[in-house]
Amino acid sequence: MQLFPNELALANLKGEISEDERGYCSVDEAVEWLKELSGLDFGKDVARWEEWVHSQNKKIPSKLADY
């Protein structure tokens, strides 16, 4: 399954990717990644991050993260 970086970070924030899976990062790393991608800081607020990710409609200009 291929995810954009913002989607991958959100999946990690939500705990949907286990430590043994490719693309895993800790919740804290996921928050930092989302902050870097967005310029926003919603902390560990999953609902707000989900809203932001969905509003981007895959507009993140980066390579796909393959996990």
PDB file of N, CA and C in Angstrom:
ATOM      1  N   MET A   1       0.844  -1.172   0.000  1.00  0.00           N
ATOM      2  CA  MET A   1       0.000   0.000   0.000  1.00  0.00           C
ATOM      3  C   MET A   1       0.889   1.235   0.000  1.00  0.00           C
ATOM      4  N   GLN A   2       0.567   2.204  -0.819  1.00  0.00           N
ATOM      5  CA  GLN A   2       1.347   3.426  -0.860  1.00  0.00           C
ATOM      6  C   GLN A   2       0.577   4.555  -0.196  1.00  0.00           C
ATOM      7  N   LEU A   3       1.281   5.287   0.637  1.00  0.00           N
ATOM      8  CA  LEU A   3       0.706   6.429   1.319  1.00  0.00           C
ATOM      9  C   LEU A   3       1.575   7.645   1.060  1.00  0.00           C
ATOM     10  N   PHE A   4       0.954   8.808   1.023  1.00  0.00           N
ATOM     11  CA  PHE A   4       1.711  10.040   0.982  1.00  0.00           C
ATOM     12  C   PHE A   4       2.305  10.272   2.369  1.00  0.00           C
ATOM     13  N   PRO A   5       3.373  11.057   2.472  1.00  0.00           N
ATOM     14  CA  PRO A   5       4.016  11.262   3.776  1.00  0.00           C
ATOM     15  C   PRO A   5       3.060  11.739   4.868  1.00  0.00           C
ATOM     16  N   ASN A   6       2.143  12.636   4.527  1.00  0.00           N
ATOM     17  CA  ASN A   6       1.208  13.117   5.546  1.00  0.00           C
ATOM     18  C   ASN A   6       0.276  12.000   6.014  1.00  0.00           C
ATOM     19  N   GLU A   7      -0.117  11.126   5.111  1.00  0.00           N
ATOM     20  CA  GLU A   7      -0.981  10.003   5.459  1.00  0.00           C
ATOM     21  C   GLU A   7      -0.227   8.981   6.318  1.00  0.00           C
ATOM     22  N   LEU A   8       1.028   8.753   5.986  1.00  0.00           N
ATOM     23  CA  LEU A   8       1.849   7.816   6.748  1.00  0.00           C
ATOM     24  C   LEU A   8       2.064   8.335   8.171  1.00  0.00           C
ATOM     25  N   ALA A   9       2.361   9.616   8.298  1.00  0.00           N
ATOM     26  CA  ALA A   9       2.549  10.204   9.630  1.00  0.00           C
ATOM     27  C   ALA A   9       1.258  10.097  10.434  1.00  0.00           C
ATOM     28  N   LEU A  10       0.127  10.361   9.813  1.00  0.00           N
ATOM     29  CA  LEU A  10      -1.160  10.258  10.506  1.00  0.00           C
ATOM     30  C   LEU A  10      -1.426   8.817  10.944  1.00  0.00           C
ATOM     31  N   ALA A  11      -1.147   7.865  10.085  1.00  0.00           N
ATOM     32  CA  ALA A  11      -1.352   6.461  10.430  1.00  0.00           C
ATOM     33  C   ALA A  11      -0.501   6.079  11.641  1.00  0.00           C
ATOM     34  N   ASN A  12       0.719   6.590  11.707  1.00  0.00           N
ATOM     35  CA  ASN A  12       1.569   6.334  12.868  1.00  0.00           C
ATOM     36  C   ASN A  12       1.022   7.020  14.113  1.00  0.00           C
ATOM     37  N   LEU A  13       0.546   8.232  13.967  1.00  0.00           N
ATOM     38  CA  LEU A  13      -0.043   8.947  15.093  1.00  0.00           C
ATOM     39  C   LEU A  13      -1.235   8.182  15.658  1.00  0.00           C
ATOM     40  N   LYS A  14      -2.001   7.572  14.781  1.00  0.00           N
ATOM     41  CA  LYS A  14      -3.188   6.827  15.192  1.00  0.00           C
ATOM     42  C   LYS A  14      -2.858   5.413  15.680  1.00  0.00           C
ATOM     43  N   GLY A  15      -1.588   5.022  15.598  1.00  0.00           N
ATOM     44  CA  GLY A  15      -1.181   3.693  16.055  1.00  0.00           C
ATOM     45  C   GLY A  15      -1.575   2.583  15.104  1.00  0.00           C
ATOM     46  N   GLU A  16      -1.765   2.912  13.839  1.00  0.00           N
ATOM     47  CA  GLU A  16      -2.196   1.932  12.840  1.00  0.00           C
ATOM     48  C   GLU A  16      -1.052   1.144  12.223  1.00  0.00           C
ATOM     49  N   ILE A  17       0.167   1.527  12.519  1.00  0.00           N
ATOM     50  CA  ILE A  17       1.339   0.843  11.960  1.00  0.00           C
ATOM     51  C   ILE A  17       2.150   0.282  13.124  1.00  0.00           C
ATOM     52  N   SER A  18       2.383  -1.003  13.107  1.00  0.00           N
ATOM     53  CA  SER A  18       3.115  -1.630  14.209  1.00  0.00           C
ATOM     54  C   SER A  18       4.619  -1.439  14.039  1.00  0.00           C
ATOM     55  N   GLU A  19       5.322  -1.603  15.135  1.00  0.00           N
ATOM     56  CA  GLU A  19       6.770  -1.390  15.151  1.00  0.00           C
ATOM     57  C   GLU A  19       7.521  -2.237  14.146  1.00  0.00           C
ATOM     58  N   ASP A  20       6.985  -3.394  13.797  1.00  0.00           N
ATOM     59  CA  ASP A  20       7.697  -4.279  12.873  1.00  0.00           C
ATOM     60  C   ASP A  20       7.337  -4.013  11.412  1.00  0.00           C
ATOM     61  N   GLU A  21       6.480  -3.048  11.159  1.00  0.00           N
ATOM     62  CA  GLU A  21       6.096  -2.729   9.781  1.00  0.00           C
ATOM     63  C   GLU A  21       6.983  -1.628   9.213  1.00  0.00           C
ATOM     64  N   ARG A  22       7.180  -1.698   7.916  1.00  0.00           N
ATOM     65  CA  ARG A  22       7.920  -0.660   7.212  1.00  0.00           C
ATOM     66  C   ARG A  22       7.131   0.641   7.302  1.00  0.00           C
ATOM     67  N   GLY A  23       7.807   1.735   7.573  1.00  0.00           N
ATOM     68  CA  GLY A  23       7.153   3.031   7.669  1.00  0.00           C
ATOM     69  C   GLY A  23       6.784   3.428   9.082  1.00  0.00           C
ATOM     70  N   TYR A  24       7.086   2.549  10.057  1.00  0.00           N
ATOM     71  CA  TYR A  24       6.746   2.845  11.450  1.00  0.00           C
ATOM     72  C   TYR A  24       7.598   3.984  11.991  1.00  0.00           C
ATOM     73  N   CYS A  25       6.976   4.833  12.794  1.00  0.00           N
ATOM     74  CA  CYS A  25       7.696   5.782  13.636  1.00  0.00           C
ATOM     75  C   CYS A  25       6.876   5.970  14.905  1.00  0.00           C
ATOM     76  N   SER A  26       7.495   6.505  15.934  1.00  0.00           N
ATOM     77  CA  SER A  26       6.787   6.707  17.198  1.00  0.00           C
ATOM     78  C   SER A  26       5.746   7.818  17.038  1.00  0.00           C
ATOM     79  N   VAL A  27       4.849   7.913  17.997  1.00  0.00           N
ATOM     80  CA  VAL A  27       3.837   8.975  17.987  1.00  0.00           C
ATOM     81  C   VAL A  27       4.516  10.339  18.005  1.00  0.00           C
ATOM     82  N   ASP A  28       5.534  10.499  18.832  1.00  0.00           N
ATOM     83  CA  ASP A  28       6.234  11.782  18.902  1.00  0.00           C
ATOM     84  C   ASP A  28       6.903  12.135  17.578  1.00  0.00           C
ATOM     85  N   GLU A  29       7.496  11.129  16.934  1.00  0.00           N
ATOM     86  CA  GLU A  29       8.112  11.369  15.620  1.00  0.00           C
ATOM     87  C   GLU A  29       7.044  11.718  14.586  1.00  0.00           C
ATOM     88  N   ALA A  30       5.893  11.071  14.662  1.00  0.00           N
ATOM     89  CA  ALA A  30       4.802  11.361  13.732  1.00  0.00           C
ATOM     90  C   ALA A  30       4.320  12.791  13.889  1.00  0.00           C
ATOM     91  N   VAL A  31       4.197  13.244  15.129  1.00  0.00           N
ATOM     92  CA  VAL A  31       3.776  14.629  15.383  1.00  0.00           C
ATOM     93  C   VAL A  31       4.797  15.596  14.799  1.00  0.00           C
ATOM     94  N   GLU A  32       6.080  15.334  15.023  1.00  0.00           N
ATOM     95  CA  GLU A  32       7.123  16.213  14.484  1.00  0.00           C
ATOM     96  C   GLU A  32       7.092  16.236  12.963  1.00  0.00           C
ATOM     97  N   TRP A  33       6.871  15.089  12.364  1.00  0.00           N
ATOM     98  CA  TRP A  33       6.808  14.978  10.909  1.00  0.00           C
ATOM     99  C   TRP A  33       5.623  15.788  10.374  1.00  0.00           C
ATOM    100  N   LEU A  34       4.467  15.653  11.010  1.00  0.00           N
ATOM    101  CA  LEU A  34       3.281  16.407  10.596  1.00  0.00           C
ATOM    102  C   LEU A  34       3.506  17.911  10.752  1.00  0.00           C
ATOM    103  N   LYS A  35       4.144  18.306  11.844  1.00  0.00           N
ATOM    104  CA  LYS A  35       4.441  19.721  12.049  1.00  0.00           C
ATOM    105  C   LYS A  35       5.354  20.251  10.948  1.00  0.00           C
ATOM    106  N   GLU A  36       6.359  19.453  10.592  1.00  0.00           N
ATOM    107  CA  GLU A  36       7.298  19.859   9.546  1.00  0.00           C
ATOM    108  C   GLU A  36       6.597  19.968   8.187  1.00  0.00           C
ATOM    109  N   LEU A  37       5.741  19.003   7.881  1.00  0.00           N
ATOM    110  CA  LEU A  37       5.027  19.000   6.603  1.00  0.00           C
ATOM    111  C   LEU A  37       4.023  20.140   6.491  1.00  0.00           C
ATOM    112  N   SER A  38       3.388  20.469   7.613  1.00  0.00           N
ATOM    113  CA  SER A  38       2.262  21.404   7.574  1.00  0.00           C
ATOM    114  C   SER A  38       2.585  22.820   8.002  1.00  0.00           C
ATOM    115  N   GLY A  39       3.604  22.974   8.849  1.00  0.00           N
ATOM    116  CA  GLY A  39       3.848  24.280   9.456  1.00  0.00           C
ATOM    117  C   GLY A  39       2.862  24.564  10.578  1.00  0.00           C
ATOM    118  N   LEU A  40       2.079  23.557  10.978  1.00  0.00           N
ATOM    119  CA  LEU A  40       1.070  23.693  12.029  1.00  0.00           C
ATOM    120  C   LEU A  40       1.483  22.856  13.224  1.00  0.00           C
ATOM    121  N   ASP A  41       0.837  23.095  14.358  1.00  0.00           N
ATOM    122  CA  ASP A  41       1.124  22.305  15.542  1.00  0.00           C
ATOM    123  C   ASP A  41      -0.175  21.978  16.271  1.00  0.00           C
ATOM    124  N   PHE A  42      -0.694  20.789  16.004  1.00  0.00           N
ATOM    125  CA  PHE A  42      -1.893  20.312  16.683  1.00  0.00           C
ATOM    126  C   PHE A  42      -1.535  19.307  17.770  1.00  0.00           C
ATOM    127  N   GLY A  43      -0.244  19.203  18.088  1.00  0.00           N
ATOM    128  CA  GLY A  43       0.180  18.249  19.105  1.00  0.00           C
ATOM    129  C   GLY A  43      -0.245  16.839  18.724  1.00  0.00           C
ATOM    130  N   LYS A  44      -0.834  16.117  19.681  1.00  0.00           N
ATOM    131  CA  LYS A  44      -1.262  14.741  19.444  1.00  0.00           C
ATOM    132  C   LYS A  44      -2.761  14.654  19.180  1.00  0.00           C
ATOM    133  N   ASP A  45      -3.353  15.761  18.742  1.00  0.00           N
ATOM    134  CA  ASP A  45      -4.797  15.820  18.468  1.00  0.00           C
ATOM    135  C   ASP A  45      -5.092  15.146  17.123  1.00  0.00           C
ATOM    136  N   VAL A  46      -5.443  13.877  17.174  1.00  0.00           N
ATOM    137  CA  VAL A  46      -5.664  13.076  15.971  1.00  0.00           C
ATOM    138  C   VAL A  46      -6.765  13.677  15.100  1.00  0.00           C
ATOM    139  N   ALA A  47      -7.850  14.116  15.687  1.00  0.00           N
ATOM    140  CA  ALA A  47      -8.972  14.660  14.905  1.00  0.00           C
ATOM    141  C   ALA A  47      -8.546  15.876  14.090  1.00  0.00           C
ATOM    142  N   ARG A  48      -7.775  16.759  14.691  1.00  0.00           N
ATOM    143  CA  ARG A  48      -7.330  17.960  13.955  1.00  0.00           C
ATOM    144  C   ARG A  48      -6.349  17.595  12.853  1.00  0.00           C
ATOM    145  N   TRP A  49      -5.455  16.647  13.145  1.00  0.00           N
ATOM    146  CA  TRP A  49      -4.512  16.217  12.109  1.00  0.00           C
ATOM    147  C   TRP A  49      -5.247  15.514  10.974  1.00  0.00           C
ATOM    148  N   GLU A  50      -6.246  14.699  11.301  1.00  0.00           N
ATOM    149  CA  GLU A  50      -7.031  14.033  10.253  1.00  0.00           C
ATOM    150  C   GLU A  50      -7.699  15.071   9.357  1.00  0.00           C
ATOM    151  N   GLU A  51      -8.258  16.085   9.971  1.00  0.00           N
ATOM    152  CA  GLU A  51      -8.912  17.154   9.199  1.00  0.00           C
ATOM    153  C   GLU A  51      -7.911  17.821   8.261  1.00  0.00           C
ATOM    154  N   TRP A  52      -6.712  18.107   8.769  1.00  0.00           N
ATOM    155  CA  TRP A  52      -5.700  18.745   7.925  1.00  0.00           C
ATOM    156  C   TRP A  52      -5.282  17.823   6.788  1.00  0.00           C
ATOM    157  N   VAL A  53      -4.990  16.552   7.099  1.00  0.00           N
ATOM    158  CA  VAL A  53      -4.551  15.609   6.070  1.00  0.00           C
ATOM    159  C   VAL A  53      -5.611  15.488   4.984  1.00  0.00           C
ATOM    160  N   HIS A  54      -6.865  15.338   5.361  1.00  0.00           N
ATOM    161  CA  HIS A  54      -7.935  15.198   4.368  1.00  0.00           C
ATOM    162  C   HIS A  54      -8.114  16.484   3.554  1.00  0.00           C
ATOM    163  N   SER A  55      -7.848  17.629   4.152  1.00  0.00           N
ATOM    164  CA  SER A  55      -7.981  18.895   3.420  1.00  0.00           C
ATOM    165  C   SER A  55      -6.888  19.064   2.377  1.00  0.00           C
ATOM    166  N   GLN A  56      -5.790  18.349   2.543  1.00  0.00           N
ATOM    167  CA  GLN A  56      -4.672  18.467   1.603  1.00  0.00           C
ATOM    168  C   GLN A  56      -4.937  17.734   0.299  1.00  0.00           C
ATOM    169  N   ASN A  57      -5.825  16.756   0.329  1.00  0.00           N
ATOM    170  CA  ASN A  57      -6.170  16.012  -0.873  1.00  0.00           C
ATOM    171  C   ASN A  57      -4.929  15.592  -1.651  1.00  0.00           C
ATOM    172  N   LYS A  58      -3.948  15.075  -0.898  1.00  0.00           N
ATOM    173  CA  LYS A  58      -2.699  14.566  -1.478  1.00  0.00           C
ATOM    174  C   LYS A  58      -1.874  15.649  -2.175  1.00  0.00           C
ATOM    175  N   LYS A  59      -1.824  16.835  -1.603  1.00  0.00           N
ATOM    176  CA  LYS A  59      -1.088  17.948  -2.194  1.00  0.00           C
ATOM    177  C   LYS A  59       0.356  18.049  -1.714  1.00  0.00           C
ATOM    178  N   ILE A  60       0.792  17.133  -0.887  1.00  0.00           N
ATOM    179  CA  ILE A  60       2.155  17.192  -0.361  1.00  0.00           C
ATOM    180  C   ILE A  60       3.130  16.875  -1.496  1.00  0.00           C
ATOM    181  N   PRO A  61       4.009  17.819  -1.848  1.00  0.00           N
ATOM    182  CA  PRO A  61       4.913  17.640  -2.992  1.00  0.00           C
ATOM    183  C   PRO A  61       6.135  16.812  -2.658  1.00  0.00           C
ATOM    184  N   SER A  62       5.927  15.600  -2.232  1.00  0.00           N
ATOM    185  CA  SER A  62       7.034  14.729  -1.876  1.00  0.00           C
ATOM    186  C   SER A  62       6.786  13.356  -2.466  1.00  0.00           C
ATOM    187  N   LYS A  63       7.828  12.541  -2.465  1.00  0.00           N
ATOM    188  CA  LYS A  63       7.687  11.180  -2.973  1.00  0.00           C
ATOM    189  C   LYS A  63       6.657  10.415  -2.142  1.00  0.00           C
ATOM    190  N   LEU A  64       6.079   9.431  -2.745  1.00  0.00           N
ATOM    191  CA  LEU A  64       5.202   8.540  -2.008  1.00  0.00           C
ATOM    192  C   LEU A  64       6.009   7.726  -1.014  1.00  0.00           C
ATOM    193  N   ALA A  65       5.450   7.499   0.123  1.00  0.00           N
ATOM    194  CA  ALA A  65       6.069   6.603   1.095  1.00  0.00           C
ATOM    195  C   ALA A  65       5.476   5.220   0.851  1.00  0.00           C
ATOM    196  N   ASP A  66       6.311   4.276   0.569  1.00  0.00           N
ATOM    197  CA  ASP A  66       5.837   2.940   0.261  1.00  0.00           C
ATOM    198  C   ASP A  66       5.954   2.084   1.508  1.00  0.00           C
ATOM    199  N   TYR A  67       4.818   1.647   2.017  1.00  0.00           N
ATOM    200  CA  TYR A  67       4.853   0.789   3.210  1.00  0.00           C
ATOM    201  C   TYR A  67       3.964  -0.404   3.017  1.00  0.00           C
TER     202      TYR A  67
END
